[in-house]
Amino acid sequence: MSDDDDQTRSDFDDAVNMTASELKKWLDTDESKSVGQKKDGGESTGHESGRHIVRILEKKKADLTDDDLAHMRKVVGYVKRHSAQKPKGDVTDTDWRYSLMNWGHDPKK
Protein backbone atom coordinates (compact mmCIF):
# COMPACT_ATOMS: atom_id res chain seq x y z
CA MET A 1 0.00 0.00 0.00
CA SER A 2 1.14 3.54 -0.68
CA ASP A 3 1.47 6.22 1.98
CA ASP A 4 -1.80 7.74 0.72
CA ASP A 5 -3.50 4.38 1.13
CA ASP A 6 -2.11 4.08 4.65
CA GLN A 7 -3.47 7.54 5.47
CA THR A 8 -6.85 6.58 4.01
CA ARG A 9 -6.92 3.46 6.19
CA SER A 10 -5.97 5.48 9.28
CA ASP A 11 -8.63 8.12 8.58
CA PHE A 12 -11.20 5.39 7.94
CA ASP A 13 -10.30 3.66 11.21
CA ASP A 14 -10.80 6.97 13.03
CA ALA A 15 -14.16 7.64 11.35
CA VAL A 16 -15.67 4.15 11.56
CA ASN A 17 -16.11 3.26 15.23
CA MET A 18 -18.52 0.35 14.78
CA THR A 19 -17.36 -3.23 14.30
CA ALA A 20 -18.51 -5.28 11.33
CA SER A 21 -20.88 -7.25 13.57
CA GLU A 22 -22.31 -4.10 15.20
CA LEU A 23 -22.87 -2.53 11.80
CA LYS A 24 -24.47 -5.69 10.35
CA LYS A 25 -26.87 -5.85 13.28
CA TRP A 26 -27.67 -2.13 12.95
CA LEU A 27 -28.34 -2.40 9.19
CA ASP A 28 -31.06 -4.97 9.92
CA THR A 29 -33.07 -2.52 12.05
CA ASP A 30 -36.10 -0.53 10.93
CA GLU A 31 -34.36 2.64 12.15
CA SER A 32 -31.44 2.02 9.82
CA LYS A 33 -33.73 1.46 6.86
CA SER A 34 -35.85 4.54 7.65
CA VAL A 35 -33.21 7.20 6.93
CA GLY A 36 -31.24 8.46 3.97
CA GLN A 37 -31.73 9.39 0.36
CA LYS A 38 -33.32 6.56 -1.58
CA LYS A 39 -32.92 6.04 -5.31
CA ASP A 40 -36.19 4.97 -6.94
CA GLY A 41 -37.69 4.09 -3.55
CA GLY A 42 -35.11 1.36 -2.94
CA GLU A 43 -32.18 1.12 -0.57
CA SER A 44 -30.75 4.40 0.71
CA THR A 45 -27.25 5.51 -0.23
CA GLY A 46 -26.14 5.28 3.41
CA HIS A 47 -27.57 1.79 3.88
CA GLU A 48 -25.79 0.58 0.75
CA SER A 49 -22.62 2.26 2.01
CA GLY A 50 -22.97 0.42 5.32
CA ARG A 51 -23.03 -2.92 3.55
CA HIS A 52 -19.83 -1.97 1.69
CA ILE A 53 -18.22 -0.87 4.97
CA VAL A 54 -18.99 -4.28 6.49
CA ARG A 55 -17.21 -5.96 3.56
CA ILE A 56 -14.21 -3.62 4.03
CA LEU A 57 -14.05 -4.28 7.77
CA GLU A 58 -14.05 -8.03 7.14
CA LYS A 59 -11.12 -7.86 4.71
CA LYS A 60 -7.43 -8.02 5.43
CA LYS A 61 -5.56 -4.80 4.71
CA ALA A 62 -3.68 -6.47 1.84
CA ASP A 63 -6.97 -7.47 0.17
CA LEU A 64 -8.38 -3.94 -0.13
CA THR A 65 -9.17 -2.93 -3.70
CA ASP A 66 -8.99 0.50 -5.31
CA ASP A 67 -12.79 0.58 -5.08
CA ASP A 68 -12.59 -0.15 -1.35
CA LEU A 69 -10.07 2.65 -0.82
CA ALA A 70 -12.24 5.07 -2.81
CA HIS A 71 -15.24 4.12 -0.67
CA MET A 72 -13.18 4.52 2.49
CA ARG A 73 -12.32 8.10 1.44
CA LYS A 74 -16.02 8.75 0.75
CA VAL A 75 -16.92 7.43 4.22
CA VAL A 76 -14.34 9.66 5.91
CA GLY A 77 -15.70 12.72 4.07
CA TYR A 78 -19.32 11.90 4.88
CA VAL A 79 -18.67 11.29 8.58
CA LYS A 80 -16.70 14.54 8.85
CA ARG A 81 -19.35 16.64 7.04
CA HIS A 82 -22.35 15.04 8.77
CA SER A 83 -20.76 15.19 12.23
CA ALA A 84 -20.34 18.95 11.80
CA GLN A 85 -24.16 19.24 11.46
CA LYS A 86 -24.86 17.85 14.94
CA PRO A 87 -28.26 19.02 16.19
CA LYS A 88 -28.72 20.48 19.65
CA GLY A 89 -29.94 18.28 22.49
CA ASP A 90 -30.05 14.53 22.90
CA VAL A 91 -29.19 12.83 19.61
CA THR A 92 -29.91 9.27 20.74
CA ASP A 93 -33.07 8.72 18.67
CA THR A 94 -32.48 11.09 15.77
CA ASP A 95 -32.26 10.64 12.02
CA TRP A 96 -28.89 12.45 12.23
CA ARG A 97 -27.43 9.69 14.42
CA TYR A 98 -29.10 6.92 12.42
CA SER A 99 -27.59 8.28 9.19
CA LEU A 100 -24.11 8.36 10.70
CA MET A 101 -24.55 4.83 12.01
CA ASN A 102 -25.41 3.64 8.48
CA TRP A 103 -21.96 4.96 7.56
CA GLY A 104 -20.32 3.04 10.43
CA HIS A 105 -20.02 5.89 12.93
CA ASP A 106 -21.99 5.95 16.17
CA PRO A 107 -21.65 9.45 17.66
CA LYS A 108 -22.83 8.10 21.04
CA LYS A 109 -19.69 5.92 21.38
C-alpha atoms as a PDB file:
ATOM      1  CA  MET A   1       0.000   0.000   0.000  1.00  0.00           C
ATOM      2  CA  SER A   2       1.140   3.538  -0.682  1.00  0.00           C
ATOM      3  CA  ASP A   3       1.473   6.223   1.975  1.00  0.00           C
ATOM      4  CA  ASP A   4      -1.801   7.742   0.721  1.00  0.00           C
ATOM      5  CA  ASP A   5      -3.504   4.383   1.129  1.00  0.00           C
ATOM      6  CA  ASP A   6      -2.107   4.075   4.651  1.00  0.00           C
ATOM      7  CA  GLN A   7      -3.474   7.536   5.471  1.00  0.00           C
ATOM      8  CA  THR A   8      -6.852   6.578   4.013  1.00  0.00           C
ATOM      9  CA  ARG A   9      -6.923   3.457   6.193  1.00  0.00           C
ATOM     10  CA  SER A  10      -5.969   5.478   9.285  1.00  0.00           C
ATOM     11  CA  ASP A  11      -8.628   8.122   8.581  1.00  0.00           C
ATOM     12  CA  PHE A  12     -11.198   5.391   7.944  1.00  0.00           C
ATOM     13  CA  ASP A  13     -10.303   3.656  11.206  1.00  0.00           C
ATOM     14  CA  ASP A  14     -10.800   6.974  13.033  1.00  0.00           C
ATOM     15  CA  ALA A  15     -14.165   7.642  11.345  1.00  0.00           C
ATOM     16  CA  VAL A  16     -15.674   4.154  11.561  1.00  0.00           C
ATOM     17  CA  ASN A  17     -16.105   3.260  15.230  1.00  0.00           C
ATOM     18  CA  MET A  18     -18.517   0.351  14.778  1.00  0.00           C
ATOM     19  CA  THR A  19     -17.360  -3.228  14.299  1.00  0.00           C
ATOM     20  CA  ALA A  20     -18.509  -5.282  11.331  1.00  0.00           C
ATOM     21  CA  SER A  21     -20.883  -7.250  13.569  1.00  0.00           C
ATOM     22  CA  GLU A  22     -22.309  -4.103  15.202  1.00  0.00           C
ATOM     23  CA  LEU A  23     -22.869  -2.526  11.799  1.00  0.00           C
ATOM     24  CA  LYS A  24     -24.467  -5.686  10.346  1.00  0.00           C
ATOM     25  CA  LYS A  25     -26.872  -5.851  13.283  1.00  0.00           C
ATOM     26  CA  TRP A  26     -27.674  -2.130  12.949  1.00  0.00           C
ATOM     27  CA  LEU A  27     -28.343  -2.397   9.194  1.00  0.00           C
ATOM     28  CA  ASP A  28     -31.060  -4.975   9.917  1.00  0.00           C
ATOM     29  CA  THR A  29     -33.073  -2.524  12.049  1.00  0.00           C
ATOM     30  CA  ASP A  30     -36.105  -0.527  10.931  1.00  0.00           C
ATOM     31  CA  GLU A  31     -34.361   2.642  12.146  1.00  0.00           C
ATOM     32  CA  SER A  32     -31.439   2.019   9.820  1.00  0.00           C
ATOM     33  CA  LYS A  33     -33.731   1.456   6.860  1.00  0.00           C
ATOM     34  CA  SER A  34     -35.852   4.538   7.652  1.00  0.00           C
ATOM     35  CA  VAL A  35     -33.208   7.199   6.927  1.00  0.00           C
ATOM     36  CA  GLY A  36     -31.240   8.461   3.970  1.00  0.00           C
ATOM     37  CA  GLN A  37     -31.729   9.390   0.363  1.00  0.00           C
ATOM     38  CA  LYS A  38     -33.321   6.562  -1.582  1.00  0.00           C
ATOM     39  CA  LYS A  39     -32.923   6.042  -5.305  1.00  0.00           C
ATOM     40  CA  ASP A  40     -36.187   4.974  -6.937  1.00  0.00           C
ATOM     41  CA  GLY A  41     -37.686   4.090  -3.545  1.00  0.00           C
ATOM     42  CA  GLY A  42     -35.113   1.360  -2.939  1.00  0.00           C
ATOM     43  CA  GLU A  43     -32.182   1.117  -0.569  1.00  0.00           C
ATOM     44  CA  SER A  44     -30.749   4.399   0.711  1.00  0.00           C
ATOM     45  CA  THR A  45     -27.254   5.515  -0.230  1.00  0.00           C
ATOM     46  CA  GLY A  46     -26.141   5.279   3.414  1.00  0.00           C
ATOM     47  CA  HIS A  47     -27.565   1.793   3.881  1.00  0.00           C
ATOM     48  CA  GLU A  48     -25.790   0.576   0.749  1.00  0.00           C
ATOM     49  CA  SER A  49     -22.617   2.255   2.014  1.00  0.00           C
ATOM     50  CA  GLY A  50     -22.974   0.418   5.319  1.00  0.00           C
ATOM     51  CA  ARG A  51     -23.028  -2.925   3.548  1.00  0.00           C
ATOM     52  CA  HIS A  52     -19.831  -1.974   1.687  1.00  0.00           C
ATOM     53  CA  ILE A  53     -18.216  -0.866   4.966  1.00  0.00           C
ATOM     54  CA  VAL A  54     -18.989  -4.279   6.489  1.00  0.00           C
ATOM     55  CA  ARG A  55     -17.209  -5.959   3.559  1.00  0.00           C
ATOM     56  CA  ILE A  56     -14.209  -3.621   4.029  1.00  0.00           C
ATOM     57  CA  LEU A  57     -14.048  -4.279   7.770  1.00  0.00           C
ATOM     58  CA  GLU A  58     -14.054  -8.026   7.142  1.00  0.00           C
ATOM     59  CA  LYS A  59     -11.122  -7.856   4.713  1.00  0.00           C
ATOM     60  CA  LYS A  60      -7.431  -8.022   5.429  1.00  0.00           C
ATOM     61  CA  LYS A  61      -5.556  -4.797   4.706  1.00  0.00           C
ATOM     62  CA  ALA A  62      -3.677  -6.466   1.836  1.00  0.00           C
ATOM     63  CA  ASP A  63      -6.969  -7.470   0.167  1.00  0.00           C
ATOM     64  CA  LEU A  64      -8.380  -3.937  -0.127  1.00  0.00           C
ATOM     65  CA  THR A  65      -9.167  -2.935  -3.703  1.00  0.00           C
ATOM     66  CA  ASP A  66      -8.985   0.505  -5.308  1.00  0.00           C
ATOM     67  CA  ASP A  67     -12.795   0.584  -5.081  1.00  0.00           C
ATOM     68  CA  ASP A  68     -12.589  -0.152  -1.348  1.00  0.00           C
ATOM     69  CA  LEU A  69     -10.073   2.654  -0.825  1.00  0.00           C
ATOM     70  CA  ALA A  70     -12.238   5.070  -2.810  1.00  0.00           C
ATOM     71  CA  HIS A  71     -15.240   4.124  -0.671  1.00  0.00           C
ATOM     72  CA  MET A  72     -13.175   4.524   2.488  1.00  0.00           C
ATOM     73  CA  ARG A  73     -12.323   8.103   1.441  1.00  0.00           C
ATOM     74  CA  LYS A  74     -16.019   8.747   0.752  1.00  0.00           C
ATOM     75  CA  VAL A  75     -16.924   7.430   4.223  1.00  0.00           C
ATOM     76  CA  VAL A  76     -14.343   9.661   5.908  1.00  0.00           C
ATOM     77  CA  GLY A  77     -15.697  12.719   4.073  1.00  0.00           C
ATOM     78  CA  TYR A  78     -19.315  11.905   4.880  1.00  0.00           C
ATOM     79  CA  VAL A  79     -18.668  11.293   8.584  1.00  0.00           C
ATOM     80  CA  LYS A  80     -16.699  14.541   8.845  1.00  0.00           C
ATOM     81  CA  ARG A  81     -19.351  16.636   7.045  1.00  0.00           C
ATOM     82  CA  HIS A  82     -22.348  15.045   8.765  1.00  0.00           C
ATOM     83  CA  SER A  83     -20.756  15.194  12.228  1.00  0.00           C
ATOM     84  CA  ALA A  84     -20.344  18.952  11.800  1.00  0.00           C
ATOM     85  CA  GLN A  85     -24.157  19.244  11.459  1.00  0.00           C
ATOM     86  CA  LYS A  86     -24.856  17.849  14.937  1.00  0.00           C
ATOM     87  CA  PRO A  87     -28.256  19.020  16.191  1.00  0.00           C
ATOM     88  CA  LYS A  88     -28.721  20.476  19.654  1.00  0.00           C
ATOM     89  CA  GLY A  89     -29.940  18.285  22.487  1.00  0.00           C
ATOM     90  CA  ASP A  90     -30.051  14.527  22.897  1.00  0.00           C
ATOM     91  CA  VAL A  91     -29.189  12.834  19.613  1.00  0.00           C
ATOM     92  CA  THR A  92     -29.911   9.267  20.738  1.00  0.00           C
ATOM     93  CA  ASP A  93     -33.073   8.718  18.668  1.00  0.00           C
ATOM     94  CA  THR A  94     -32.475  11.087  15.772  1.00  0.00           C
ATOM     95  CA  ASP A  95     -32.259  10.639  12.016  1.00  0.00           C
ATOM     96  CA  TRP A  96     -28.893  12.449  12.234  1.00  0.00           C
ATOM     97  CA  ARG A  97     -27.434   9.686  14.420  1.00  0.00           C
ATOM     98  CA  TYR A  98     -29.099   6.921  12.418  1.00  0.00           C
ATOM     99  CA  SER A  99     -27.595   8.283   9.188  1.00  0.00           C
ATOM    100  CA  LEU A 100     -24.115   8.361  10.698  1.00  0.00           C
ATOM    101  CA  MET A 101     -24.548   4.835  12.007  1.00  0.00           C
ATOM    102  CA  ASN A 102     -25.409   3.638   8.483  1.00  0.00           C
ATOM    103  CA  TRP A 103     -21.955   4.955   7.556  1.00  0.00           C
ATOM    104  CA  GLY A 104     -20.316   3.041  10.425  1.00  0.00           C
ATOM    105  CA  HIS A 105     -20.019   5.895  12.926  1.00  0.00           C
ATOM    106  CA  ASP A 106     -21.993   5.951  16.173  1.00  0.00           C
ATOM    107  CA  PRO A 107     -21.649   9.448  17.659  1.00  0.00           C
ATOM    108  CA  LYS A 108     -22.828   8.102  21.037  1.00  0.00           C
ATOM    109  CA  LYS A 109     -19.691   5.924  21.383  1.00  0.00           C
END
